[in-house]
């Protein structure tokens, strides 16, 4: 593998970084909001599932013990 000197490497990095399409502020805010919404949805889902499983386990254990 050919080695490049540090100056060439920095030029290549700058060239590749210039090709990147950075998101706008609006796109970043929308994406951030969607992440928070999905976190809330997932949290509520897992809370409901956890409560249902807990209720099921308690009813089985209390049903067997009583």
PDB file of N, CA and C in Angstrom:
ATOM      1  N   UNK A   1       0.846  -1.167   0.000  1.00  0.00           N
ATOM      2  CA  UNK A   1       0.000   0.000   0.000  1.00  0.00           C
ATOM      3  C   UNK A   1       0.898   1.239   0.000  1.00  0.00           C
ATOM      4  N   UNK A   2       0.618   2.157  -0.903  1.00  0.00           N
ATOM      5  CA  UNK A   2       1.444   3.345  -1.030  1.00  0.00           C
ATOM      6  C   UNK A   2       1.161   4.296   0.126  1.00  0.00           C
ATOM      7  N   UNK A   3       2.236   4.893   0.634  1.00  0.00           N
ATOM      8  CA  UNK A   3       2.090   5.855   1.728  1.00  0.00           C
ATOM      9  C   UNK A   3       2.045   7.256   1.148  1.00  0.00           C
ATOM     10  N   UNK A   4       1.180   8.092   1.717  1.00  0.00           N
ATOM     11  CA  UNK A   4       1.102   9.482   1.280  1.00  0.00           C
ATOM     12  C   UNK A   4       1.694  10.359   2.371  1.00  0.00           C
ATOM     13  N   UNK A   5       2.224  11.474   1.969  1.00  0.00           N
ATOM     14  CA  UNK A   5       2.773  12.373   2.981  1.00  0.00           C
ATOM     15  C   UNK A   5       1.620  13.105   3.671  1.00  0.00           C
ATOM     16  N   UNK A   6       1.878  13.674   4.838  1.00  0.00           N
ATOM     17  CA  UNK A   6       0.796  14.315   5.607  1.00  0.00           C
ATOM     18  C   UNK A   6       0.100  15.451   4.853  1.00  0.00           C
ATOM     19  N   UNK A   7       0.831  16.206   4.038  1.00  0.00           N
ATOM     20  CA  UNK A   7       0.232  17.300   3.282  1.00  0.00           C
ATOM     21  C   UNK A   7      -0.802  16.774   2.284  1.00  0.00           C
ATOM     22  N   UNK A   8      -0.464  15.721   1.566  1.00  0.00           N
ATOM     23  CA  UNK A   8      -1.405  15.113   0.611  1.00  0.00           C
ATOM     24  C   UNK A   8      -2.624  14.542   1.329  1.00  0.00           C
ATOM     25  N   UNK A   9      -2.372  13.931   2.480  1.00  0.00           N
ATOM     26  CA  UNK A   9      -3.468  13.356   3.258  1.00  0.00           C
ATOM     27  C   UNK A   9      -4.456  14.440   3.668  1.00  0.00           C
ATOM     28  N   UNK A  10      -3.949  15.565   4.158  1.00  0.00           N
ATOM     29  CA  UNK A  10      -4.821  16.656   4.583  1.00  0.00           C
ATOM     30  C   UNK A  10      -5.602  17.207   3.389  1.00  0.00           C
ATOM     31  N   UNK A  11      -4.960  17.313   2.235  1.00  0.00           N
ATOM     32  CA  UNK A  11      -5.662  17.777   1.042  1.00  0.00           C
ATOM     33  C   UNK A  11      -6.781  16.807   0.656  1.00  0.00           C
ATOM     34  N   UNK A  12      -6.524  15.523   0.752  1.00  0.00           N
ATOM     35  CA  UNK A  12      -7.541  14.525   0.419  1.00  0.00           C
ATOM     36  C   UNK A  12      -8.707  14.589   1.403  1.00  0.00           C
ATOM     37  N   UNK A  13      -8.397  14.765   2.674  1.00  0.00           N
ATOM     38  CA  UNK A  13      -9.453  14.861   3.686  1.00  0.00           C
ATOM     39  C   UNK A  13     -10.316  16.090   3.424  1.00  0.00           C
ATOM     40  N   UNK A  14      -9.701  17.230   3.130  1.00  0.00           N
ATOM     41  CA  UNK A  14     -10.458  18.448   2.850  1.00  0.00           C
ATOM     42  C   UNK A  14     -11.313  18.282   1.598  1.00  0.00           C
ATOM     43  N   UNK A  15     -10.771  17.588   0.607  1.00  0.00           N
ATOM     44  CA  UNK A  15     -11.508  17.356  -0.629  1.00  0.00           C
ATOM     45  C   UNK A  15     -12.744  16.491  -0.370  1.00  0.00           C
ATOM     46  N   UNK A  16     -12.575  15.445   0.411  1.00  0.00           N
ATOM     47  CA  UNK A  16     -13.719  14.571   0.729  1.00  0.00           C
ATOM     48  C   UNK A  16     -14.728  15.280   1.619  1.00  0.00           C
ATOM     49  N   UNK A  17     -14.259  16.077   2.572  1.00  0.00           N
ATOM     50  CA  UNK A  17     -15.171  16.804   3.464  1.00  0.00           C
ATOM     51  C   UNK A  17     -15.996  17.818   2.685  1.00  0.00           C
ATOM     52  N   UNK A  18     -15.434  18.362   1.628  1.00  0.00           N
ATOM     53  CA  UNK A  18     -16.173  19.329   0.811  1.00  0.00           C
ATOM     54  C   UNK A  18     -17.323  18.663   0.063  1.00  0.00           C
ATOM     55  N   UNK A  19     -17.261  17.359  -0.146  1.00  0.00           N
ATOM     56  CA  UNK A  19     -18.310  16.632  -0.858  1.00  0.00           C
ATOM     57  C   UNK A  19     -19.511  16.297   0.031  1.00  0.00           C
ATOM     58  N   UNK A  20     -19.334  16.427   1.335  1.00  0.00           N
ATOM     59  CA  UNK A  20     -20.388  16.053   2.277  1.00  0.00           C
ATOM     60  C   UNK A  20     -21.532  17.055   2.182  1.00  0.00           C
ATOM     61  N   UNK A  21     -22.753  16.555   2.143  1.00  0.00           N
ATOM     62  CA  UNK A  21     -23.947  17.405   2.168  1.00  0.00           C
ATOM     63  C   UNK A  21     -24.429  17.485   3.613  1.00  0.00           C
ATOM     64  N   UNK A  22     -24.218  18.631   4.222  1.00  0.00           N
ATOM     65  CA  UNK A  22     -24.579  18.799   5.625  1.00  0.00           C
ATOM     66  C   UNK A  22     -26.060  19.159   5.724  1.00  0.00           C
ATOM     67  N   UNK A  23     -26.747  18.657   6.755  1.00  0.00           N
ATOM     68  CA  UNK A  23     -28.171  18.982   6.899  1.00  0.00           C
ATOM     69  C   UNK A  23     -28.359  20.444   7.313  1.00  0.00           C
ATOM     70  N   UNK A  24     -29.508  20.981   6.938  1.00  0.00           N
ATOM     71  CA  UNK A  24     -29.833  22.347   7.347  1.00  0.00           C
ATOM     72  C   UNK A  24     -30.274  22.334   8.810  1.00  0.00           C
ATOM     73  N   UNK A  25     -30.383  23.515   9.373  1.00  0.00           N
ATOM     74  CA  UNK A  25     -30.826  23.621  10.771  1.00  0.00           C
ATOM     75  C   UNK A  25     -32.237  23.047  10.925  1.00  0.00           C
ATOM     76  N   UNK A  26     -33.108  23.316   9.943  1.00  0.00           N
ATOM     77  CA  UNK A  26     -34.485  22.818  10.002  1.00  0.00           C
ATOM     78  C   UNK A  26     -34.507  21.293   9.968  1.00  0.00           C
ATOM     79  N   UNK A  27     -33.715  20.692   9.074  1.00  0.00           N
ATOM     80  CA  UNK A  27     -33.659  19.226   8.985  1.00  0.00           C
ATOM     81  C   UNK A  27     -33.140  18.619  10.285  1.00  0.00           C
ATOM     82  N   UNK A  28     -32.159  19.270  10.892  1.00  0.00           N
ATOM     83  CA  UNK A  28     -31.612  18.780  12.158  1.00  0.00           C
ATOM     84  C   UNK A  28     -32.654  18.844  13.263  1.00  0.00           C
ATOM     85  N   UNK A  29     -33.412  19.939  13.315  1.00  0.00           N
ATOM     86  CA  UNK A  29     -34.438  20.083  14.349  1.00  0.00           C
ATOM     87  C   UNK A  29     -35.561  19.060  14.160  1.00  0.00           C
ATOM     88  N   UNK A  30     -35.976  18.836  12.920  1.00  0.00           N
ATOM     89  CA  UNK A  30     -37.031  17.862  12.646  1.00  0.00           C
ATOM     90  C   UNK A  30     -36.566  16.457  13.019  1.00  0.00           C
ATOM     91  N   UNK A  31     -35.347  16.122  12.649  1.00  0.00           N
ATOM     92  CA  UNK A  31     -34.814  14.797  12.970  1.00  0.00           C
ATOM     93  C   UNK A  31     -34.705  14.603  14.478  1.00  0.00           C
ATOM     94  N   UNK A  32     -34.241  15.633  15.179  1.00  0.00           N
ATOM     95  CA  UNK A  32     -34.126  15.559  16.634  1.00  0.00           C
ATOM     96  C   UNK A  32     -35.504  15.364  17.269  1.00  0.00           C
ATOM     97  N   UNK A  33     -36.493  16.095  16.792  1.00  0.00           N
ATOM     98  CA  UNK A  33     -37.852  15.960  17.330  1.00  0.00           C
ATOM     99  C   UNK A  33     -38.391  14.557  17.087  1.00  0.00           C
ATOM    100  N   UNK A  34     -38.134  14.008  15.909  1.00  0.00           N
ATOM    101  CA  UNK A  34     -38.613  12.661  15.599  1.00  0.00           C
ATOM    102  C   UNK A  34     -37.942  11.619  16.497  1.00  0.00           C
ATOM    103  N   UNK A  35     -36.671  11.828  16.797  1.00  0.00           N
ATOM    104  CA  UNK A  35     -35.983  10.904  17.709  1.00  0.00           C
ATOM    105  C   UNK A  35     -36.647  10.938  19.078  1.00  0.00           C
ATOM    106  N   UNK A  36     -36.935  12.146  19.586  1.00  0.00           N
ATOM    107  CA  UNK A  36     -37.587  12.251  20.886  1.00  0.00           C
ATOM    108  C   UNK A  36     -38.977  11.619  20.869  1.00  0.00           C
ATOM    109  N   UNK A  37     -39.728  11.801  19.800  1.00  0.00           N
ATOM    110  CA  UNK A  37     -41.056  11.193  19.685  1.00  0.00           C
ATOM    111  C   UNK A  37     -40.940   9.668  19.716  1.00  0.00           C
ATOM    112  N   UNK A  38     -39.985   9.130  18.957  1.00  0.00           N
ATOM    113  CA  UNK A  38     -39.824   7.669  18.927  1.00  0.00           C
ATOM    114  C   UNK A  38     -39.363   7.130  20.281  1.00  0.00           C
ATOM    115  N   UNK A  39     -38.550   7.887  21.001  1.00  0.00           N
ATOM    116  CA  UNK A  39     -38.132   7.471  22.348  1.00  0.00           C
ATOM    117  C   UNK A  39     -39.344   7.394  23.274  1.00  0.00           C
ATOM    118  N   UNK A  40     -40.224   8.387  23.199  1.00  0.00           N
ATOM    119  CA  UNK A  40     -41.425   8.386  24.037  1.00  0.00           C
ATOM    120  C   UNK A  40     -42.332   7.218  23.662  1.00  0.00           C
ATOM    121  N   UNK A  41     -42.532   6.985  22.362  1.00  0.00           N
ATOM    122  CA  UNK A  41     -43.377   5.873  21.912  1.00  0.00           C
ATOM    123  C   UNK A  41     -42.810   4.541  22.387  1.00  0.00           C
ATOM    124  N   UNK A  42     -41.500   4.349  22.215  1.00  0.00           N
ATOM    125  CA  UNK A  42     -40.876   3.096  22.640  1.00  0.00           C
ATOM    126  C   UNK A  42     -40.968   2.935  24.150  1.00  0.00           C
ATOM    127  N   UNK A  43     -40.786   4.026  24.898  1.00  0.00           N
ATOM    128  CA  UNK A  43     -40.867   3.960  26.363  1.00  0.00           C
ATOM    129  C   UNK A  43     -42.259   3.554  26.824  1.00  0.00           C
ATOM    130  N   UNK A  44     -43.285   4.151  26.241  1.00  0.00           N
ATOM    131  CA  UNK A  44     -44.661   3.807  26.610  1.00  0.00           C
ATOM    132  C   UNK A  44     -44.961   2.360  26.237  1.00  0.00           C
ATOM    133  N   UNK A  45     -44.516   1.936  25.060  1.00  0.00           N
ATOM    134  CA  UNK A  45     -44.732   0.555  24.632  1.00  0.00           C
ATOM    135  C   UNK A  45     -44.117  -0.430  25.626  1.00  0.00           C
ATOM    136  N   UNK A  46     -42.848  -0.199  25.980  1.00  0.00           N
ATOM    137  CA  UNK A  46     -42.183  -1.127  26.901  1.00  0.00           C
ATOM    138  C   UNK A  46     -42.762  -1.050  28.306  1.00  0.00           C
ATOM    139  N   UNK A  47     -43.265   0.116  28.720  1.00  0.00           N
ATOM    140  CA  UNK A  47     -43.937   0.221  30.015  1.00  0.00           C
ATOM    141  C   UNK A  47     -45.192  -0.645  30.024  1.00  0.00           C
ATOM    142  N   UNK A  48     -45.987  -0.550  28.968  1.00  0.00           N
ATOM    143  CA  UNK A  48     -47.224  -1.338  28.884  1.00  0.00           C
ATOM    144  C   UNK A  48     -46.911  -2.828  28.836  1.00  0.00           C
ATOM    145  N   UNK A  49     -45.938  -3.221  28.029  1.00  0.00           N
ATOM    146  CA  UNK A  49     -45.575  -4.643  27.934  1.00  0.00           C
ATOM    147  C   UNK A  49     -45.051  -5.142  29.273  1.00  0.00           C
ATOM    148  N   UNK A  50     -44.217  -4.360  29.940  1.00  0.00           N
ATOM    149  CA  UNK A  50     -43.674  -4.762  31.244  1.00  0.00           C
ATOM    150  C   UNK A  50     -44.779  -4.923  32.275  1.00  0.00           C
ATOM    151  N   UNK A  51     -45.727  -3.987  32.274  1.00  0.00           N
ATOM    152  CA  UNK A  51     -46.840  -4.087  33.223  1.00  0.00           C
ATOM    153  C   UNK A  51     -47.700  -5.321  32.939  1.00  0.00           C
ATOM    154  N   UNK A  52     -47.931  -5.603  31.659  1.00  0.00           N
ATOM    155  CA  UNK A  52     -48.739  -6.775  31.297  1.00  0.00           C
ATOM    156  C   UNK A  52     -48.041  -8.068  31.695  1.00  0.00           C
ATOM    157  N   UNK A  53     -46.755  -8.159  31.427  1.00  0.00           N
ATOM    158  CA  UNK A  53     -46.012  -9.372  31.808  1.00  0.00           C
ATOM    159  C   UNK A  53     -45.972  -9.506  33.330  1.00  0.00           C
ATOM    160  N   UNK A  54     -45.748  -8.385  34.030  1.00  0.00           N
ATOM    161  CA  UNK A  54     -45.743  -8.426  35.495  1.00  0.00           C
ATOM    162  C   UNK A  54     -47.084  -8.873  36.044  1.00  0.00           C
ATOM    163  N   UNK A  55     -48.171  -8.366  35.458  1.00  0.00           N
ATOM    164  CA  UNK A  55     -49.502  -8.772  35.911  1.00  0.00           C
ATOM    165  C   UNK A  55     -49.703 -10.270  35.668  1.00  0.00           C
ATOM    166  N   UNK A  56     -49.269 -10.745  34.488  1.00  0.00           N
ATOM    167  CA  UNK A  56     -49.415 -12.164  34.166  1.00  0.00           C
ATOM    168  C   UNK A  56     -48.621 -13.049  35.114  1.00  0.00           C
ATOM    169  N   UNK A  57     -47.407 -12.681  35.410  1.00  0.00           N
ATOM    170  CA  UNK A  57     -46.568 -13.479  36.315  1.00  0.00           C
ATOM    171  C   UNK A  57     -47.156 -13.467  37.721  1.00  0.00           C
ATOM    172  N   UNK A  58     -47.597 -12.297  38.179  1.00  0.00           N
ATOM    173  CA  UNK A  58     -48.199 -12.222  39.524  1.00  0.00           C
ATOM    174  C   UNK A  58     -49.459 -13.067  39.619  1.00  0.00           C
ATOM    175  N   UNK A  59     -50.274 -13.039  38.578  1.00  0.00           N
ATOM    176  CA  UNK A  59     -51.508 -13.808  38.634  1.00  0.00           C
ATOM    177  C   UNK A  59     -51.223 -15.312  38.608  1.00  0.00           C
ATOM    178  N   UNK A  60     -50.212 -15.728  37.858  1.00  0.00           N
ATOM    179  CA  UNK A  60     -49.852 -17.154  37.847  1.00  0.00           C
ATOM    180  C   UNK A  60     -49.277 -17.567  39.186  1.00  0.00           C
ATOM    181  N   UNK A  61     -48.373 -16.770  39.741  1.00  0.00           N
ATOM    182  CA  UNK A  61     -47.746 -17.136  41.008  1.00  0.00           C
ATOM    183  C   UNK A  61     -48.741 -17.091  42.153  1.00  0.00           C
ATOM    184  N   UNK A  62     -49.596 -16.114  42.188  1.00  0.00           N
ATOM    185  CA  UNK A  62     -50.595 -16.048  43.252  1.00  0.00           C
ATOM    186  C   UNK A  62     -51.661 -17.112  43.053  1.00  0.00           C
ATOM    187  N   UNK A  63     -51.965 -17.451  41.803  1.00  0.00           N
ATOM    188  CA  UNK A  63     -52.944 -18.486  41.529  1.00  0.00           C
ATOM    189  C   UNK A  63     -52.434 -19.857  41.963  1.00  0.00           C
ATOM    190  N   UNK A  64     -51.139 -20.102  41.755  1.00  0.00           N
ATOM    191  CA  UNK A  64     -50.554 -21.391  42.164  1.00  0.00           C
ATOM    192  C   UNK A  64     -50.385 -21.470  43.659  1.00  0.00           C
ATOM    193  N   UNK A  65     -50.091 -20.338  44.287  1.00  0.00           N
ATOM    194  CA  UNK A  65     -49.834 -20.355  45.731  1.00  0.00           C
ATOM    195  C   UNK A  65     -51.097 -20.362  46.563  1.00  0.00           C
ATOM    196  N   UNK A  66     -52.209 -19.900  45.998  1.00  0.00           N
ATOM    197  CA  UNK A  66     -53.406 -19.743  46.799  1.00  0.00           C
ATOM    198  C   UNK A  66     -54.337 -20.850  46.584  1.00  0.00           C
TER     199      UNK A  66
END
